[in-house]
């Protein structure tokens, strides 16, 4: 078993890199991959850079070059509902694009039944067990994430909320899920909230990014020990 941990920025990846034992660094496609173990599990961590294409490139390399058998997208996201607070954790039950025509995915490759990429049931079970264990420290919520090529502030926020009812938005998750879907690789996303509808904007993101990144990383580290049994991989 080897788990790919794919973050967007260096701040989000740094806690994982600090956790990595016997770390070895490989460079490919202008990206830096940190191989080693976290909590006894083989991992490959990197930050891809912002946007869907960068995330997709990184995810495919994790699968093809490093042989990752599951991918976790970790880091931060913007909250889209008043029910979420700063530093709450959102785990993707499903994810989709809010800026891609829906028939692109259903009428053409990969001919999906819907626009939503589902998280792996076994990884969800491991995440739920972790959420129960860490419930006194962190609030974790399971639901829908959305991805698009823009930082959501005011423009388009209400239209996205009305159409999709997401918990949060980011610029990479659905792209990583898309790559994992076509490769039949288990996937899940774990993101901590940096900004909310009433505390929104890039300033909030910048203020809260470092702490939110640590929270996401701590949750994933606790989850790693449960993934092997969940996937029935020795």
Protein backbone atom coordinates (compact mmCIF):
# COMPACT_ATOMS: atom_id res chain seq x y z
CA UNK A 1 0.00 0.00 0.00
CA UNK A 2 1.27 3.44 -0.91
CA UNK A 3 -0.79 6.57 -0.33
CA UNK A 4 -0.42 9.70 -2.43
CA UNK A 5 -1.01 12.91 -0.46
CA UNK A 6 -1.70 15.73 -2.88
CA UNK A 7 -1.87 19.30 -1.65
CA UNK A 8 -2.24 22.54 -3.55
CA UNK A 9 0.33 24.82 -1.95
CA UNK A 10 3.53 24.51 0.03
CA UNK A 11 1.83 25.66 3.24
CA UNK A 12 -0.64 22.78 2.95
CA UNK A 13 2.05 20.20 2.18
CA UNK A 14 4.60 21.33 4.78
CA UNK A 15 3.03 19.54 7.78
CA UNK A 16 3.06 16.26 5.86
CA UNK A 17 6.66 16.73 4.79
CA UNK A 18 7.63 17.38 8.42
CA UNK A 19 5.87 14.14 9.43
CA UNK A 20 7.60 12.03 6.78
CA UNK A 21 10.17 9.53 8.02
CA UNK A 22 13.16 8.47 5.87
CA UNK A 23 12.22 11.14 3.34
CA UNK A 24 13.53 10.89 -0.21
CA UNK A 25 12.93 13.61 -2.78
CA UNK A 26 12.28 13.04 -6.48
CA UNK A 27 11.63 15.72 -9.08
CA UNK A 28 9.43 15.22 -12.13
CA UNK A 29 7.42 17.59 -14.35
CA UNK A 30 8.70 20.57 -12.34
CA UNK A 31 7.18 19.04 -9.19
CA UNK A 32 8.91 17.73 -6.07
CA UNK A 33 7.74 14.43 -4.56
CA UNK A 34 8.55 13.49 -0.94
CA UNK A 35 8.61 9.71 -0.43
CA UNK A 36 8.78 8.02 2.96
CA UNK A 37 6.45 6.87 5.70
CA UNK A 38 3.91 8.61 7.90
CA UNK A 39 2.57 6.64 10.86
CA UNK A 40 4.15 3.52 9.36
CA UNK A 41 2.36 3.90 6.01
CA UNK A 42 4.26 4.44 2.76
CA UNK A 43 3.40 7.89 1.43
CA UNK A 44 4.30 10.22 -1.43
CA UNK A 45 3.51 13.87 -0.70
CA UNK A 46 3.64 16.91 -2.95
CA UNK A 47 2.08 20.27 -3.66
CA UNK A 48 0.85 20.61 -7.22
CA UNK A 49 0.23 24.32 -7.50
CA UNK A 50 -3.17 25.92 -8.00
CA UNK A 51 -5.69 24.87 -10.69
CA UNK A 52 -7.23 21.75 -12.11
CA UNK A 53 -4.56 20.95 -14.69
CA UNK A 54 -1.71 21.17 -12.20
CA UNK A 55 -3.57 18.90 -9.80
CA UNK A 56 -4.38 16.40 -12.56
CA UNK A 57 -0.74 16.24 -13.67
CA UNK A 58 0.35 15.56 -10.10
CA UNK A 59 -2.30 12.89 -9.53
CA UNK A 60 -1.40 10.97 -12.68
CA UNK A 61 2.29 10.99 -11.76
CA UNK A 62 1.47 9.68 -8.28
CA UNK A 63 -0.31 6.76 -9.91
CA UNK A 64 1.96 6.03 -12.89
CA UNK A 65 5.43 6.84 -11.55
CA UNK A 66 5.11 6.15 -7.84
CA UNK A 67 2.52 3.37 -7.89
CA UNK A 68 0.18 4.96 -5.36
CA UNK A 69 -2.77 2.70 -4.57
CA UNK A 70 -4.94 5.49 -3.13
CA UNK A 71 -4.85 9.28 -3.24
CA UNK A 72 -5.83 11.74 -0.52
CA UNK A 73 -6.31 15.36 -1.51
CA UNK A 74 -5.57 17.43 1.60
CA UNK A 75 -5.42 21.07 2.53
CA UNK A 76 -7.85 23.97 2.74
CA UNK A 77 -11.12 25.11 1.20
CA UNK A 78 -13.64 27.94 1.28
CA UNK A 79 -16.87 27.29 3.14
CA UNK A 80 -20.15 27.74 1.26
CA UNK A 81 -22.67 27.25 4.06
CA UNK A 82 -23.36 29.08 7.31
CA UNK A 83 -23.28 25.73 9.09
CA UNK A 84 -19.49 25.58 8.72
CA UNK A 85 -17.03 27.48 10.86
CA UNK A 86 -13.40 28.42 10.33
CA UNK A 87 -11.16 25.35 10.79
CA UNK A 88 -14.00 22.82 10.48
CA UNK A 89 -12.96 19.81 8.42
CA UNK A 90 -14.88 18.81 5.29
CA UNK A 91 -14.51 15.28 3.91
CA UNK A 92 -15.69 14.69 0.36
CA UNK A 93 -18.58 12.27 0.03
CA UNK A 94 -18.68 13.47 -3.57
CA UNK A 95 -17.19 16.22 -5.68
CA UNK A 96 -17.90 17.92 -9.00
CA UNK A 97 -16.89 20.84 -11.22
CA UNK A 98 -18.99 23.99 -11.11
CA UNK A 99 -17.44 25.38 -14.30
CA UNK A 100 -17.55 22.39 -16.68
CA UNK A 101 -20.58 21.68 -18.88
CA UNK A 102 -22.35 18.70 -17.35
CA UNK A 103 -22.64 16.67 -20.56
CA UNK A 104 -18.85 16.73 -20.99
CA UNK A 105 -18.54 14.00 -18.38
CA UNK A 106 -21.74 12.07 -19.06
CA UNK A 107 -21.91 12.06 -22.88
CA UNK A 108 -18.17 11.76 -23.44
CA UNK A 109 -15.22 10.12 -21.69
CA UNK A 110 -15.44 8.92 -18.94
CA UNK A 111 -19.23 8.43 -19.60
CA UNK A 112 -20.30 8.91 -16.01
CA UNK A 113 -23.80 8.31 -14.70
CA UNK A 114 -23.77 11.77 -13.10
CA UNK A 115 -21.47 14.75 -12.74
CA UNK A 116 -20.37 13.67 -9.25
CA UNK A 117 -17.19 11.77 -8.44
CA UNK A 118 -17.89 9.64 -5.38
CA UNK A 119 -15.29 9.16 -2.67
CA UNK A 120 -14.21 5.59 -2.06
CA UNK A 121 -16.53 3.92 0.46
CA UNK A 122 -13.65 2.29 2.34
CA UNK A 123 -11.78 5.57 2.67
CA UNK A 124 -14.99 7.22 3.84
CA UNK A 125 -15.35 4.56 6.51
CA UNK A 126 -11.79 5.20 7.68
CA UNK A 127 -12.48 8.95 7.72
CA UNK A 128 -15.68 8.48 9.73
CA UNK A 129 -13.86 6.35 12.30
CA UNK A 130 -11.18 9.04 12.53
CA UNK A 131 -13.81 11.77 12.91
CA UNK A 132 -15.37 9.88 15.82
CA UNK A 133 -12.01 9.53 17.54
CA UNK A 134 -11.07 13.19 17.06
CA UNK A 135 -14.54 14.57 17.69
CA UNK A 136 -13.54 16.43 20.83
CA UNK A 137 -10.74 18.26 19.00
CA UNK A 138 -12.15 18.87 15.53
CA UNK A 139 -15.55 19.13 13.91
CA UNK A 140 -15.70 17.04 10.74
CA UNK A 141 -18.54 17.20 8.21
CA UNK A 142 -19.11 14.86 5.26
CA UNK A 143 -20.68 16.07 2.03
CA UNK A 144 -20.25 17.70 -1.36
CA UNK A 145 -17.21 19.64 -2.53
CA UNK A 146 -17.06 21.73 -5.71
CA UNK A 147 -14.11 22.72 -7.86
CA UNK A 148 -13.59 25.56 -10.32
CA UNK A 149 -10.89 27.82 -11.71
CA UNK A 150 -11.52 30.83 -9.51
CA UNK A 151 -11.37 31.91 -5.88
CA UNK A 152 -15.02 32.37 -4.87
CA UNK A 153 -15.73 35.63 -3.08
CA UNK A 154 -19.04 37.31 -4.04
CA UNK A 155 -19.37 36.83 -7.80
CA UNK A 156 -21.19 33.60 -8.54
CA UNK A 157 -21.42 32.45 -4.92
CA UNK A 158 -25.20 32.37 -4.70
CA UNK A 159 -25.62 30.73 -8.10
CA UNK A 160 -23.27 27.93 -7.08
CA UNK A 161 -25.02 27.48 -3.75
CA UNK A 162 -28.46 27.32 -5.35
CA UNK A 163 -27.47 24.87 -8.07
CA UNK A 164 -25.18 22.50 -6.18
CA UNK A 165 -25.63 23.07 -2.41
CA UNK A 166 -21.95 22.37 -1.67
CA UNK A 167 -20.26 22.47 1.70
CA UNK A 168 -17.13 24.05 0.26
CA UNK A 169 -15.27 25.05 -2.90
CA UNK A 170 -11.68 24.84 -4.09
CA UNK A 171 -9.72 24.76 -7.34
CA UNK A 172 -8.40 21.16 -7.46
CA UNK A 173 -10.42 18.42 -5.74
CA UNK A 174 -12.64 17.36 -8.63
CA UNK A 175 -9.65 17.21 -10.97
CA UNK A 176 -7.85 14.80 -8.64
CA UNK A 177 -11.03 12.77 -8.22
CA UNK A 178 -11.43 12.71 -12.01
CA UNK A 179 -7.94 11.25 -12.52
CA UNK A 180 -8.48 8.67 -9.80
CA UNK A 181 -11.86 7.72 -11.28
CA UNK A 182 -10.49 6.89 -14.71
CA UNK A 183 -7.57 4.99 -13.16
CA UNK A 184 -9.85 3.14 -10.72
CA UNK A 185 -7.83 4.40 -7.77
CA UNK A 186 -9.52 5.04 -4.38
CA UNK A 187 -9.81 8.75 -3.62
CA UNK A 188 -10.95 11.06 -0.86
CA UNK A 189 -10.45 14.74 -0.02
CA UNK A 190 -9.90 16.18 3.46
CA UNK A 191 -9.93 19.97 3.64
CA UNK A 192 -10.12 22.45 6.51
CA UNK A 193 -12.11 25.65 6.13
CA UNK A 194 -10.27 28.98 5.89
CA UNK A 195 -13.15 31.29 5.02
CA UNK A 196 -16.94 31.24 5.26
CA UNK A 197 -19.88 33.19 3.80
CA UNK A 198 -19.75 35.70 6.66
CA UNK A 199 -15.93 35.72 6.95
CA UNK A 200 -14.93 35.50 3.32
CA UNK A 201 -12.22 36.77 1.04
CA UNK A 202 -8.57 36.21 0.26
CA UNK A 203 -7.48 38.00 3.43
CA UNK A 204 -9.32 35.39 5.51
CA UNK A 205 -7.71 32.61 3.51
CA UNK A 206 -4.23 34.01 4.03
CA UNK A 207 -4.84 34.56 7.74
CA UNK A 208 -6.13 31.03 8.37
CA UNK A 209 -4.29 28.92 5.80
CA UNK A 210 -1.40 27.76 7.98
CA UNK A 211 -3.54 26.60 10.89
CA UNK A 212 -6.16 25.02 8.62
CA UNK A 213 -3.39 23.15 6.80
CA UNK A 214 -2.09 21.71 10.08
CA UNK A 215 -5.58 20.62 11.08
CA UNK A 216 -6.13 18.82 7.77
CA UNK A 217 -2.74 17.13 8.07
CA UNK A 218 -3.38 15.98 11.62
CA UNK A 219 -6.69 14.46 10.57
CA UNK A 220 -5.09 12.64 7.63
CA UNK A 221 -2.25 11.35 9.79
CA UNK A 222 -4.77 9.88 12.24
CA UNK A 223 -6.66 8.38 9.31
CA UNK A 224 -3.65 6.69 7.70
CA UNK A 225 -3.50 3.86 10.22
CA UNK A 226 -7.06 2.88 9.37
CA UNK A 227 -6.68 2.92 5.60
CA UNK A 228 -4.80 -0.39 5.27
CA UNK A 229 -7.53 -2.42 6.96
CA UNK A 230 -10.18 -0.39 5.16
CA UNK A 231 -8.73 -1.23 1.75
CA UNK A 232 -7.96 -4.84 2.72
CA UNK A 233 -4.36 -4.30 1.66
CA UNK A 234 -1.54 -5.96 3.57
